C-alpha atoms as a PDB file:
ATOM      1  CA  MET A   1       0.000   0.000   0.000  1.00  0.00           C
ATOM      2  CA  ASN A   2       1.508   3.366  -0.993  1.00  0.00           C
ATOM      3  CA  TYR A   3       1.630   6.455   1.218  1.00  0.00           C
ATOM      4  CA  ALA A   4      -1.323   8.177  -0.490  1.00  0.00           C
ATOM      5  CA  LYS A   5      -3.587   5.194   0.189  1.00  0.00           C
ATOM      6  CA  LYS A   6      -2.419   5.060   3.795  1.00  0.00           C
ATOM      7  CA  ILE A   7      -3.216   8.742   4.291  1.00  0.00           C
ATOM      8  CA  VAL A   8      -6.716   8.272   2.853  1.00  0.00           C
ATOM      9  CA  GLU A   9      -7.266   5.219   5.057  1.00  0.00           C
ATOM     10  CA  TYR A  10      -6.211   7.097   8.185  1.00  0.00           C
ATOM     11  CA  LEU A  11      -8.419  10.082   7.315  1.00  0.00           C
ATOM     12  CA  MET A  12     -11.408   7.762   6.917  1.00  0.00           C
ATOM     13  CA  HIS A  13     -10.623   5.880  10.126  1.00  0.00           C
ATOM     14  CA  PRO A  14      -9.250   8.344  12.722  1.00  0.00           C
ATOM     15  CA  LYS A  15      -9.104   5.629  15.393  1.00  0.00           C
ATOM     16  CA  LYS A  16      -6.369   3.969  13.361  1.00  0.00           C
ATOM     17  CA  VAL A  17      -4.305   7.152  13.648  1.00  0.00           C
ATOM     18  CA  ILE A  18      -4.686   7.186  17.426  1.00  0.00           C
ATOM     19  CA  VAL A  19      -3.846   3.487  17.646  1.00  0.00           C
ATOM     20  CA  LYS A  20      -0.767   3.965  15.483  1.00  0.00           C
ATOM     21  CA  LEU A  21       0.563   6.894  17.524  1.00  0.00           C
ATOM     22  CA  ALA A  22      -0.272   5.350  20.899  1.00  0.00           C
ATOM     23  CA  GLY A  23       1.341   2.067  19.866  1.00  0.00           C
ATOM     24  CA  MET A  24       4.561   3.987  19.186  1.00  0.00           C
ATOM     25  CA  GLY A  25       4.461   5.485  22.678  1.00  0.00           C
ATOM     26  CA  TYR A  26       3.526   9.006  21.594  1.00  0.00           C
ATOM     27  CA  LEU A  27       0.262   9.134  23.559  1.00  0.00           C
ATOM     28  CA  PRO A  28       1.122   7.660  26.975  1.00  0.00           C
ATOM     29  CA  PHE A  29      -1.655   9.665  28.643  1.00  0.00           C
ATOM     30  CA  ILE A  30      -4.311   7.449  27.002  1.00  0.00           C
ATOM     31  CA  SER A  31      -5.361   4.890  29.596  1.00  0.00           C
ATOM     32  CA  ASP A  32      -4.625   1.238  28.948  1.00  0.00           C
ATOM     33  CA  GLU A  33      -8.311   0.371  28.859  1.00  0.00           C
ATOM     34  CA  THR A  34      -9.227   3.140  26.417  1.00  0.00           C
ATOM     35  CA  TYR A  35      -6.350   2.231  24.122  1.00  0.00           C
ATOM     36  CA  LEU A  36      -7.140  -1.491  24.231  1.00  0.00           C
ATOM     37  CA  ARG A  37     -10.779  -0.837  23.360  1.00  0.00           C
ATOM     38  CA  MET A  38      -9.744   1.103  20.256  1.00  0.00           C
ATOM     39  CA  LEU A  39      -6.994  -1.338  19.294  1.00  0.00           C
ATOM     40  CA  PHE A  40      -9.274  -4.333  19.758  1.00  0.00           C
ATOM     41  CA  LYS A  41     -11.945  -2.899  17.473  1.00  0.00           C
ATOM     42  CA  VAL A  42      -9.357  -2.093  14.792  1.00  0.00           C
ATOM     43  CA  ARG A  43      -7.524  -5.417  14.970  1.00  0.00           C
ATOM     44  CA  VAL A  44     -10.149  -7.982  15.978  1.00  0.00           C
ATOM     45  CA  GLY A  45     -13.159  -6.332  14.387  1.00  0.00           C
ATOM     46  CA  TYR A  46     -15.709  -6.060  17.191  1.00  0.00           C
ATOM     47  CA  GLU A  47     -16.236  -4.139  20.419  1.00  0.00           C
ATOM     48  CA  LEU A  48     -14.216  -5.314  23.416  1.00  0.00           C
ATOM     49  CA  HIS A  49     -16.393  -6.596  26.281  1.00  0.00           C
ATOM     50  CA  LEU A  50     -14.500  -6.279  29.555  1.00  0.00           C
ATOM     51  CA  ASP A  51     -17.391  -6.498  32.015  1.00  0.00           C
ATOM     52  CA  ASP A  52     -18.251 -10.026  30.902  1.00  0.00           C
ATOM     53  CA  PRO A  53     -15.456 -11.277  28.632  1.00  0.00           C
ATOM     54  CA  LYS A  54     -16.096 -14.628  26.992  1.00  0.00           C
ATOM     55  CA  THR A  55     -13.707 -15.118  24.078  1.00  0.00           C
ATOM     56  CA  PHE A  56     -10.000 -15.899  24.318  1.00  0.00           C
ATOM     57  CA  SER A  57      -9.211 -12.502  22.794  1.00  0.00           C
ATOM     58  CA  GLU A  58     -11.370 -10.604  25.299  1.00  0.00           C
ATOM     59  CA  LYS A  59     -10.022 -12.485  28.302  1.00  0.00           C
ATOM     60  CA  VAL A  60      -6.419 -11.820  27.320  1.00  0.00           C
ATOM     61  CA  GLN A  61      -7.222  -8.077  27.309  1.00  0.00           C
ATOM     62  CA  TRP A  62      -8.830  -8.442  30.752  1.00  0.00           C
ATOM     63  CA  LEU A  63      -5.694 -10.152  32.044  1.00  0.00           C
ATOM     64  CA  LYS A  64      -3.506  -7.368  30.651  1.00  0.00           C
ATOM     65  CA  LEU A  65      -5.461  -4.865  32.729  1.00  0.00           C
ATOM     66  CA  HIS A  66      -6.084  -6.776  35.951  1.00  0.00           C
ATOM     67  CA  ASP A  67      -3.533  -9.584  36.362  1.00  0.00           C
ATOM     68  CA  ARG A  68      -0.331  -7.708  37.129  1.00  0.00           C
ATOM     69  CA  LYS A  69       2.218  -9.419  39.350  1.00  0.00           C
ATOM     70  CA  PRO A  70       5.843  -8.182  39.549  1.00  0.00           C
ATOM     71  CA  GLU A  71       7.099 -11.718  38.864  1.00  0.00           C
ATOM     72  CA  TYR A  72       5.601 -11.597  35.377  1.00  0.00           C
ATOM     73  CA  THR A  73       8.197  -9.072  34.249  1.00  0.00           C
ATOM     74  CA  THR A  74      10.972 -11.513  35.165  1.00  0.00           C
ATOM     75  CA  MET A  75       9.184 -14.384  33.452  1.00  0.00           C
ATOM     76  CA  VAL A  76       8.942 -12.645  30.069  1.00  0.00           C
ATOM     77  CA  ASP A  77      12.414 -11.052  30.182  1.00  0.00           C
ATOM     78  CA  LYS A  78      14.398 -13.284  27.800  1.00  0.00           C
ATOM     79  CA  TYR A  79      17.503 -12.952  29.982  1.00  0.00           C
ATOM     80  CA  ALA A  80      16.118 -12.858  33.521  1.00  0.00           C
ATOM     81  CA  ALA A  81      13.669 -15.682  32.795  1.00  0.00           C
ATOM     82  CA  LYS A  82      16.530 -18.141  32.383  1.00  0.00           C
ATOM     83  CA  ALA A  83      17.379 -18.111  36.101  1.00  0.00           C
ATOM     84  CA  TRP A  84      13.684 -18.157  37.037  1.00  0.00           C
ATOM     85  CA  ILE A  85      13.064 -21.213  34.859  1.00  0.00           C
ATOM     86  CA  ALA A  86      16.236 -22.998  35.972  1.00  0.00           C
ATOM     87  CA  GLU A  87      15.187 -22.679  39.622  1.00  0.00           C
ATOM     88  CA  ARG A  88      11.953 -24.526  38.873  1.00  0.00           C
ATOM     89  CA  ILE A  89      12.849 -27.193  36.335  1.00  0.00           C
ATOM     90  CA  GLY A  90      16.651 -27.235  36.113  1.00  0.00           C
ATOM     91  CA  GLY A  91      19.306 -25.507  34.047  1.00  0.00           C
ATOM     92  CA  GLU A  92      19.472 -28.286  31.460  1.00  0.00           C
ATOM     93  CA  TYR A  93      16.362 -26.849  29.795  1.00  0.00           C
ATOM     94  CA  ILE A  94      17.903 -23.412  29.266  1.00  0.00           C
ATOM     95  CA  ILE A  95      19.430 -22.340  25.952  1.00  0.00           C
ATOM     96  CA  PRO A  96      23.007 -21.363  26.909  1.00  0.00           C
ATOM     97  CA  THR A  97      23.694 -17.624  27.038  1.00  0.00           C
ATOM     98  CA  LEU A  98      26.944 -16.419  25.471  1.00  0.00           C
ATOM     99  CA  GLY A  99      26.746 -12.800  26.602  1.00  0.00           C
ATOM    100  CA  VAL A 100      24.499  -9.867  27.465  1.00  0.00           C
ATOM    101  CA  TRP A 101      25.018  -6.191  26.594  1.00  0.00           C
ATOM    102  CA  ASP A 102      23.211  -2.841  26.808  1.00  0.00           C
ATOM    103  CA  HIS A 103      24.049  -1.801  23.230  1.00  0.00           C
ATOM    104  CA  PHE A 104      25.165  -3.399  19.999  1.00  0.00           C
ATOM    105  CA  ASP A 105      28.511  -1.597  20.050  1.00  0.00           C
ATOM    106  CA  ASP A 106      29.282  -3.217  23.418  1.00  0.00           C
ATOM    107  CA  ILE A 107      29.253  -6.731  21.922  1.00  0.00           C
ATOM    108  CA  ASP A 108      32.621  -8.475  21.964  1.00  0.00           C
ATOM    109  CA  PHE A 109      32.336 -10.455  18.740  1.00  0.00           C
ATOM    110  CA  ASN A 110      35.783 -11.982  19.246  1.00  0.00           C
ATOM    111  CA  SER A 111      34.393 -13.877  22.233  1.00  0.00           C
ATOM    112  CA  LEU A 112      31.518 -15.361  20.225  1.00  0.00           C
ATOM    113  CA  PRO A 113      31.639 -18.586  18.212  1.00  0.00           C
ATOM    114  CA  ASP A 114      31.140 -18.750  14.445  1.00  0.00           C
ATOM    115  CA  ARG A 115      27.383 -19.351  14.884  1.00  0.00           C
ATOM    116  CA  PHE A 116      25.086 -17.694  17.417  1.00  0.00           C
ATOM    117  CA  VAL A 117      21.774 -15.879  17.836  1.00  0.00           C
ATOM    118  CA  LEU A 118      21.362 -12.256  18.954  1.00  0.00           C
ATOM    119  CA  LYS A 119      18.058 -10.984  20.325  1.00  0.00           C
ATOM    120  CA  CYS A 120      16.593  -8.195  22.395  1.00  0.00           C
ATOM    121  CA  THR A 121      15.445  -9.248  25.839  1.00  0.00           C
ATOM    122  CA  HIS A 122      12.319  -7.115  26.053  1.00  0.00           C
ATOM    123  CA  ASP A 123      10.372  -7.400  22.812  1.00  0.00           C
ATOM    124  CA  SER A 124       9.240  -9.736  20.056  1.00  0.00           C
ATOM    125  CA  GLY A 125      10.910 -10.086  16.684  1.00  0.00           C
ATOM    126  CA  SER A 126      14.248  -8.331  17.246  1.00  0.00           C
ATOM    127  CA  VAL A 127      16.307 -11.413  16.425  1.00  0.00           C
ATOM    128  CA  VAL A 128      19.448 -11.836  14.319  1.00  0.00           C
ATOM    129  CA  ILE A 129      20.526 -15.372  13.435  1.00  0.00           C
ATOM    130  CA  VAL A 130      24.219 -15.587  12.601  1.00  0.00           C
ATOM    131  CA  LYS A 131      25.240 -18.740  10.731  1.00  0.00           C
ATOM    132  CA  ASP A 132      28.703 -17.517   9.784  1.00  0.00           C
ATOM    133  CA  LYS A 133      30.297 -14.725  11.839  1.00  0.00           C
ATOM    134  CA  ALA A 134      32.783 -13.903   9.083  1.00  0.00           C
ATOM    135  CA  ARG A 135      29.925 -13.084   6.695  1.00  0.00           C
ATOM    136  CA  MET A 136      27.680 -11.327   9.212  1.00  0.00           C
ATOM    137  CA  ASP A 137      26.129  -8.035   8.090  1.00  0.00           C
ATOM    138  CA  LYS A 138      26.878  -6.049  11.241  1.00  0.00           C
ATOM    139  CA  VAL A 139      25.399  -2.829   9.849  1.00  0.00           C
ATOM    140  CA  ALA A 140      21.993  -4.438   9.298  1.00  0.00           C
ATOM    141  CA  ALA A 141      22.183  -6.281  12.617  1.00  0.00           C
ATOM    142  CA  ARG A 142      23.055  -3.103  14.490  1.00  0.00           C
ATOM    143  CA  GLU A 143      20.169  -1.210  12.897  1.00  0.00           C
ATOM    144  CA  LYS A 144      17.653  -3.927  13.728  1.00  0.00           C
ATOM    145  CA  LEU A 145      18.729  -4.485  17.316  1.00  0.00           C
ATOM    146  CA  GLU A 146      19.256  -0.828  18.227  1.00  0.00           C
ATOM    147  CA  ARG A 147      15.817  -0.057  16.794  1.00  0.00           C
ATOM    148  CA  GLY A 148      14.442  -2.769  19.058  1.00  0.00           C
ATOM    149  CA  LEU A 149      16.293  -1.429  22.099  1.00  0.00           C
ATOM    150  CA  ALA A 150      14.791   2.026  21.575  1.00  0.00           C
ATOM    151  CA  LYS A 151      11.218   0.746  21.647  1.00  0.00           C
ATOM    152  CA  ASN A 152       9.165  -0.047  24.743  1.00  0.00           C
ATOM    153  CA  TRP A 153       7.171  -3.098  23.637  1.00  0.00           C
ATOM    154  CA  PHE A 154       4.485  -2.392  26.247  1.00  0.00           C
ATOM    155  CA  TYR A 155       3.036   0.481  24.232  1.00  0.00           C
ATOM    156  CA  VAL A 156       2.337  -1.667  21.157  1.00  0.00           C
ATOM    157  CA  ALA A 157      -0.499  -3.670  22.753  1.00  0.00           C
ATOM    158  CA  ARG A 158      -0.287  -2.683  26.457  1.00  0.00           C
ATOM    159  CA  GLU A 159       1.097  -6.082  27.437  1.00  0.00           C
ATOM    160  CA  TRP A 160       1.818  -5.035  31.007  1.00  0.00           C
ATOM    161  CA  ALA A 161       4.505  -7.607  31.817  1.00  0.00           C
ATOM    162  CA  TYR A 162       6.847  -6.079  29.219  1.00  0.00           C
ATOM    163  CA  LYS A 163       6.634  -2.491  30.473  1.00  0.00           C
ATOM    164  CA  ASP A 164       9.601  -2.446  32.850  1.00  0.00           C
ATOM    165  CA  ILE A 165      11.983  -4.989  31.291  1.00  0.00           C
ATOM    166  CA  PRO A 166      15.450  -3.417  30.958  1.00  0.00           C
ATOM    167  CA  PRO A 167      16.247  -3.455  27.215  1.00  0.00           C
ATOM    168  CA  ARG A 168      19.373  -5.488  26.493  1.00  0.00           C
ATOM    169  CA  ILE A 169      20.858  -7.718  23.814  1.00  0.00           C
ATOM    170  CA  ILE A 170      21.742 -11.325  24.535  1.00  0.00           C
ATOM    171  CA  ALA A 171      23.694 -13.817  22.493  1.00  0.00           C
ATOM    172  CA  GLU A 172      22.530 -17.418  22.687  1.00  0.00           C
ATOM    173  CA  GLU A 173      23.954 -20.666  21.461  1.00  0.00           C
ATOM    174  CA  TYR A 174      22.891 -21.535  17.911  1.00  0.00           C
ATOM    175  CA  LEU A 175      20.667 -24.607  18.099  1.00  0.00           C
ATOM    176  CA  ALA A 176      20.755 -27.053  15.214  1.00  0.00           C
ATOM    177  CA  GLU A 177      19.891 -30.684  14.599  1.00  0.00           C
ATOM    178  CA  THR A 178      22.806 -32.977  13.844  1.00  0.00           C
ATOM    179  CA  SER A 179      20.599 -35.877  12.825  1.00  0.00           C
ATOM    180  CA  VAL A 180      17.085 -36.396  11.509  1.00  0.00           C
ATOM    181  CA  GLY A 181      14.645 -38.942  12.882  1.00  0.00           C
ATOM    182  CA  SER A 182      10.926 -39.506  12.997  1.00  0.00           C
ATOM    183  CA  ASN A 183      10.479 -37.127  15.923  1.00  0.00           C
ATOM    184  CA  VAL A 184      12.900 -34.343  15.086  1.00  0.00           C
ATOM    185  CA  ASN A 185      12.545 -31.526  12.604  1.00  0.00           C
ATOM    186  CA  GLU A 186      13.366 -31.895   8.956  1.00  0.00           C
ATOM    187  CA  GLU A 187      15.032 -28.471   9.088  1.00  0.00           C
ATOM    188  CA  SER A 188      18.481 -28.322  10.640  1.00  0.00           C
ATOM    189  CA  SER A 189      19.120 -24.643  11.350  1.00  0.00           C
ATOM    190  CA  ALA A 190      18.182 -22.341  14.221  1.00  0.00           C
ATOM    191  CA  ASP A 191      15.652 -20.495  12.059  1.00  0.00           C
ATOM    192  CA  GLY A 192      14.067 -23.758  10.905  1.00  0.00           C
ATOM    193  CA  LEU A 193      13.572 -25.579  14.200  1.00  0.00           C
ATOM    194  CA  THR A 194      10.076 -26.788  14.873  1.00  0.00           C
ATOM    195  CA  GLU A 195       8.563 -24.966  17.843  1.00  0.00           C
ATOM    196  CA  TYR A 196       6.051 -26.473  20.255  1.00  0.00           C
ATOM    197  CA  LYS A 197       4.088 -23.770  22.074  1.00  0.00           C
ATOM    198  CA  LEU A 198       1.993 -25.138  24.929  1.00  0.00           C
ATOM    199  CA  PHE A 199      -1.083 -23.135  25.920  1.00  0.00           C
ATOM    200  CA  CYS A 200      -1.541 -23.660  29.661  1.00  0.00           C
ATOM    201  CA  PHE A 201      -4.767 -22.731  31.402  1.00  0.00           C
ATOM    202  CA  ASN A 202      -4.752 -22.635  35.208  1.00  0.00           C
ATOM    203  CA  GLY A 203      -1.587 -24.717  35.217  1.00  0.00           C
ATOM    204  CA  GLU A 204      -2.733 -27.373  32.756  1.00  0.00           C
ATOM    205  CA  PRO A 205      -1.640 -27.617  29.095  1.00  0.00           C
ATOM    206  CA  GLN A 206      -4.651 -27.888  26.785  1.00  0.00           C
ATOM    207  CA  VAL A 207      -3.535 -26.765  23.303  1.00  0.00           C
ATOM    208  CA  VAL A 208      -0.275 -27.212  21.389  1.00  0.00           C
ATOM    209  CA  LEU A 209       0.809 -24.890  18.586  1.00  0.00           C
ATOM    210  CA  VAL A 210       3.328 -26.493  16.231  1.00  0.00           C
ATOM    211  CA  GLY A 211       5.230 -23.766  14.378  1.00  0.00           C
ATOM    212  CA  ARG A 212       7.443 -24.447  11.384  1.00  0.00           C
ATOM    213  CA  GLY A 213       9.649 -22.047   9.458  1.00  0.00           C
ATOM    214  CA  GLU A 214      11.282 -18.788  10.426  1.00  0.00           C
ATOM    215  CA  ALA A 215       9.459 -17.010  13.242  1.00  0.00           C
ATOM    216  CA  HIS A 216       7.820 -13.660  12.423  1.00  0.00           C
ATOM    217  CA  SER A 217       7.942 -14.428   8.695  1.00  0.00           C
ATOM    218  CA  THR A 218       5.203 -14.925   6.102  1.00  0.00           C
ATOM    219  CA  SER A 219       6.535 -18.418   5.370  1.00  0.00           C
ATOM    220  CA  ARG A 220       5.831 -19.660   8.890  1.00  0.00           C
ATOM    221  CA  THR A 221       3.015 -22.168   9.373  1.00  0.00           C
ATOM    222  CA  CYS A 222       1.148 -22.880  12.595  1.00  0.00           C
ATOM    223  CA  ASP A 223      -0.938 -25.959  13.324  1.00  0.00           C
ATOM    224  CA  TYR A 224      -2.977 -26.444  16.491  1.00  0.00           C
ATOM    225  CA  PHE A 225      -3.547 -29.710  18.362  1.00  0.00           C
ATOM    226  CA  ASP A 226      -5.045 -30.894  21.617  1.00  0.00           C
ATOM    227  CA  ILE A 227      -2.690 -32.641  24.052  1.00  0.00           C
ATOM    228  CA  ASN A 228      -3.505 -36.011  22.478  1.00  0.00           C
ATOM    229  CA  PHE A 229      -2.257 -34.572  19.187  1.00  0.00           C
ATOM    230  CA  ASN A 230      -5.620 -34.467  17.523  1.00  0.00           C
ATOM    231  CA  ARG A 231      -5.563 -31.625  15.007  1.00  0.00           C
ATOM    232  CA  LEU A 232      -7.781 -28.646  15.870  1.00  0.00           C
ATOM    233  CA  PRO A 233      -9.542 -27.075  12.872  1.00  0.00           C
ATOM    234  CA  PHE A 234      -8.665 -23.402  13.268  1.00  0.00           C
ATOM    235  CA  ALA A 235      -5.986 -20.901  12.330  1.00  0.00           C
ATOM    236  CA  LEU A 236      -4.887 -17.466  13.501  1.00  0.00           C
ATOM    237  CA  SER A 237      -2.476 -15.150  11.689  1.00  0.00           C
ATOM    238  CA  ASN A 238      -0.332 -17.861  10.116  1.00  0.00           C
ATOM    239  CA  PRO A 239      -1.594 -20.451   7.627  1.00  0.00           C
ATOM    240  CA  ARG A 240      -1.842 -24.128   8.507  1.00  0.00           C
ATOM    241  CA  SER A 241       0.590 -26.584   6.970  1.00  0.00           C
ATOM    242  CA  ASN A 242      -1.768 -29.586   7.202  1.00  0.00           C
ATOM    243  CA  LEU A 243       1.315 -31.783   7.287  1.00  0.00           C
ATOM    244  CA  PRO A 244       0.933 -35.056   9.185  1.00  0.00           C
ATOM    245  CA  GLU A 245       2.111 -34.620  12.755  1.00  0.00           C
ATOM    246  CA  GLU A 246       3.571 -37.239  15.052  1.00  0.00           C
ATOM    247  CA  LYS A 247       3.612 -36.760  18.804  1.00  0.00           C
ATOM    248  CA  PRO A 248       7.224 -36.135  19.883  1.00  0.00           C
ATOM    249  CA  VAL A 249       8.843 -38.804  22.034  1.00  0.00           C
ATOM    250  CA  GLN A 250       9.603 -36.070  24.580  1.00  0.00           C
ATOM    251  CA  PHE A 251       6.029 -34.781  24.678  1.00  0.00           C
ATOM    252  CA  GLU A 252       5.147 -36.035  28.172  1.00  0.00           C
ATOM    253  CA  GLU A 253       8.325 -34.381  29.458  1.00  0.00           C
ATOM    254  CA  MET A 254       7.268 -31.160  27.767  1.00  0.00           C
ATOM    255  CA  LEU A 255       3.831 -31.336  29.381  1.00  0.00           C
ATOM    256  CA  GLU A 256       5.318 -31.836  32.838  1.00  0.00           C
ATOM    257  CA  ILE A 257       7.672 -28.887  32.335  1.00  0.00           C
ATOM    258  CA  ALA A 258       4.767 -26.708  31.211  1.00  0.00           C
ATOM    259  CA  ARG A 259       2.704 -27.685  34.260  1.00  0.00           C
ATOM    260  CA  LYS A 260       5.491 -26.697  36.630  1.00  0.00           C
ATOM    261  CA  LEU A 261       6.131 -23.353  34.932  1.00  0.00           C
ATOM    262  CA  SER A 262       2.467 -22.404  34.566  1.00  0.00           C
ATOM    263  CA  SER A 263       1.335 -23.479  38.028  1.00  0.00           C
ATOM    264  CA  GLY A 264      -0.834 -20.790  39.580  1.00  0.00           C
ATOM    265  CA  ARG A 265      -1.164 -18.803  36.341  1.00  0.00           C
ATOM    266  CA  THR A 266      -4.520 -18.133  34.714  1.00  0.00           C
ATOM    267  CA  PHE A 267      -2.925 -18.407  31.266  1.00  0.00           C
ATOM    268  CA  LEU A 268       0.670 -18.939  30.213  1.00  0.00           C
ATOM    269  CA  ARG A 269       2.181 -20.052  26.917  1.00  0.00           C
ATOM    270  CA  VAL A 270       5.338 -22.128  27.299  1.00  0.00           C
ATOM    271  CA  ASP A 271       7.470 -22.283  24.137  1.00  0.00           C
ATOM    272  CA  THR A 272       9.733 -25.288  23.636  1.00  0.00           C
ATOM    273  CA  TYR A 273      12.136 -26.811  21.098  1.00  0.00           C
ATOM    274  CA  ILE A 274      13.418 -30.336  20.698  1.00  0.00           C
ATOM    275  CA  VAL A 275      17.034 -30.393  19.530  1.00  0.00           C
ATOM    276  CA  ASN A 276      18.817 -33.728  19.162  1.00  0.00           C
ATOM    277  CA  GLY A 277      16.284 -35.283  21.505  1.00  0.00           C
ATOM    278  CA  HIS A 278      16.732 -32.596  24.171  1.00  0.00           C
ATOM    279  CA  VAL A 279      13.969 -30.203  25.280  1.00  0.00           C
ATOM    280  CA  TYR A 280      14.763 -26.491  25.537  1.00  0.00           C
ATOM    281  CA  ILE A 281      12.567 -23.610  26.704  1.00  0.00           C
ATOM    282  CA  GLY A 282      12.359 -20.776  24.181  1.00  0.00           C
ATOM    283  CA  GLU A 283      10.332 -18.198  26.109  1.00  0.00           C
ATOM    284  CA  LEU A 284       7.216 -17.627  28.208  1.00  0.00           C
ATOM    285  CA  THR A 285       4.355 -15.271  27.446  1.00  0.00           C
ATOM    286  CA  PHE A 286       1.058 -14.340  29.042  1.00  0.00           C
ATOM    287  CA  TYR A 287      -0.456 -12.823  25.903  1.00  0.00           C
ATOM    288  CA  HIS A 288      -0.458 -15.068  22.839  1.00  0.00           C
ATOM    289  CA  GLY A 289      -0.591 -12.813  19.775  1.00  0.00           C
ATOM    290  CA  ALA A 290      -1.411  -9.990  22.223  1.00  0.00           C
ATOM    291  CA  GLY A 291      -4.927 -11.451  22.145  1.00  0.00           C
ATOM    292  CA  LEU A 292      -5.462  -9.552  18.888  1.00  0.00           C
ATOM    293  CA  GLU A 293      -5.326 -12.226  16.197  1.00  0.00           C
ATOM    294  CA  ARG A 294      -8.475 -13.184  14.323  1.00  0.00           C
ATOM    295  CA  PHE A 295      -9.663 -16.772  14.619  1.00  0.00           C
ATOM    296  CA  ASP A 296     -10.695 -18.698  11.541  1.00  0.00           C
ATOM    297  CA  PRO A 297     -13.337 -19.954  12.058  1.00  0.00           C
ATOM    298  CA  VAL A 298     -14.416 -17.383  14.646  1.00  0.00           C
ATOM    299  CA  GLU A 299     -16.174 -19.848  16.964  1.00  0.00           C
ATOM    300  CA  TRP A 300     -12.800 -21.122  18.139  1.00  0.00           C
ATOM    301  CA  ASN A 301     -12.196 -17.794  19.850  1.00  0.00           C
ATOM    302  CA  LEU A 302     -15.064 -18.660  22.177  1.00  0.00           C
ATOM    303  CA  LYS A 303     -13.981 -22.306  22.542  1.00  0.00           C
ATOM    304  CA  LEU A 304     -10.494 -21.366  23.692  1.00  0.00           C
ATOM    305  CA  GLY A 305     -11.927 -18.604  25.844  1.00  0.00           C
ATOM    306  CA  LYS A 306     -13.777 -21.203  27.916  1.00  0.00           C
ATOM    307  CA  TYR A 307     -10.449 -22.578  29.102  1.00  0.00           C
ATOM    308  CA  ILE A 308      -9.530 -19.264  30.756  1.00  0.00           C
ATOM    309  CA  LYS A 309     -11.121 -19.137  34.205  1.00  0.00           C
ATOM    310  CA  LEU A 310     -10.909 -15.539  35.322  1.00  0.00           C
ATOM    311  CA  PRO A 311     -10.885 -14.614  39.027  1.00  0.00           C
ATOM    312  CA  ILE A 312     -14.279 -13.697  40.427  1.00  0.00           C
ATOM    313  CA  SER A 313     -13.073 -10.151  41.125  1.00  0.00           C
ATOM    314  CA  LYS A 314     -10.224  -7.919  40.059  1.00  0.00           C
ATOM    315  CA  GLU A 315      -9.071  -7.722  43.665  1.00  0.00           C
ATOM    316  CA  SER A 316      -8.255 -11.449  43.703  1.00  0.00           C
ATOM    317  CA  THR A 317      -5.502 -11.057  41.073  1.00  0.00           C
END
C-alpha cells in the first residue's frame, strides 16, 4: 500500500491514527483500557467486552489490565527468565547464554563462536541469526537491534509484563539438529527448528501450537492440536501446513515442564524446542498474539476462551 492510500485510510478511520501513535508510545496519557478498546476494534473487528469477557481474545485483554504481578516481568524477560526457569525445572532446559550487553557496540564479537543468535530481551521479533560470523552483516544487525532497544514493547499492545523490562541484547547458542529422525525436525538450522508452544490454562496444558519455518515471517506455518495430538480445525495469523504430525517422544516431558512453569497462572504459553532429543525452553508469554489475532473460524475464539477461568473479582488477582 503506498503512502497516499495510507493517508486516505487514516483520514477515513481516525481511530487507526490514534492506535498507530499510541502504539509507538507518543500518547502515553491514554489509559490502557481506552487504548485497548480502540486497538481491539481495529484489529479484531468487534467491540471489546470487559465487564463479561467470553472469548479468548477478550479475556487476554482483561488479564492485561487486571492480572499484574511483579514476577511476570521476570518471566517474560528473555535474559532474567533463564534463572527463574532454571530454579523450577533445572538448568538443562535453558538455551546457553553467550553474553548480554546494553548496546550493539558493546558486543565483543571476538568472544563469540562462528554461529550464534542475537536478540533483544524485552520485545518480540528483534532477532538476528548468525550462521557464519565472518559473513555477518553487522550494519543491518546493528540497525535492527538498536531499533528494538529504543522501543518499549508495552506500548504496542499494552502487554503489562513487558513495560519495565530493561532493554538489552543477549547472544545465545545456535541450536541445530545434527541428525534427523521420525520425531525431530526436517530443518536443521536455528531459524528452521520446529517450535512447540503449549497453551496452559490454570496450570494445565490444553492446546499445542506447532510452528514451522522462520518465526515472524510470512513463510511460517502454525498448526494447532489438543494434548492427544488431535488436530484442531482453526488458524490465527499464520496459515496451517496440514502436514501429518507425530507426537514427539519427549512430549510427556514437555507437558510436565509446562505444568510446573504455569502453576498458579490463569494463562501462560510455554514455548519449547526439541534439539537432538533434548527439550529447551524458548520463552514464556502471558499474551499469545497480544490477544489480537483473528480466529478462523471465529467460533474457536469462544472455545479457547472457555479454558480461561478468570478470578471472580479484580481484587483477587
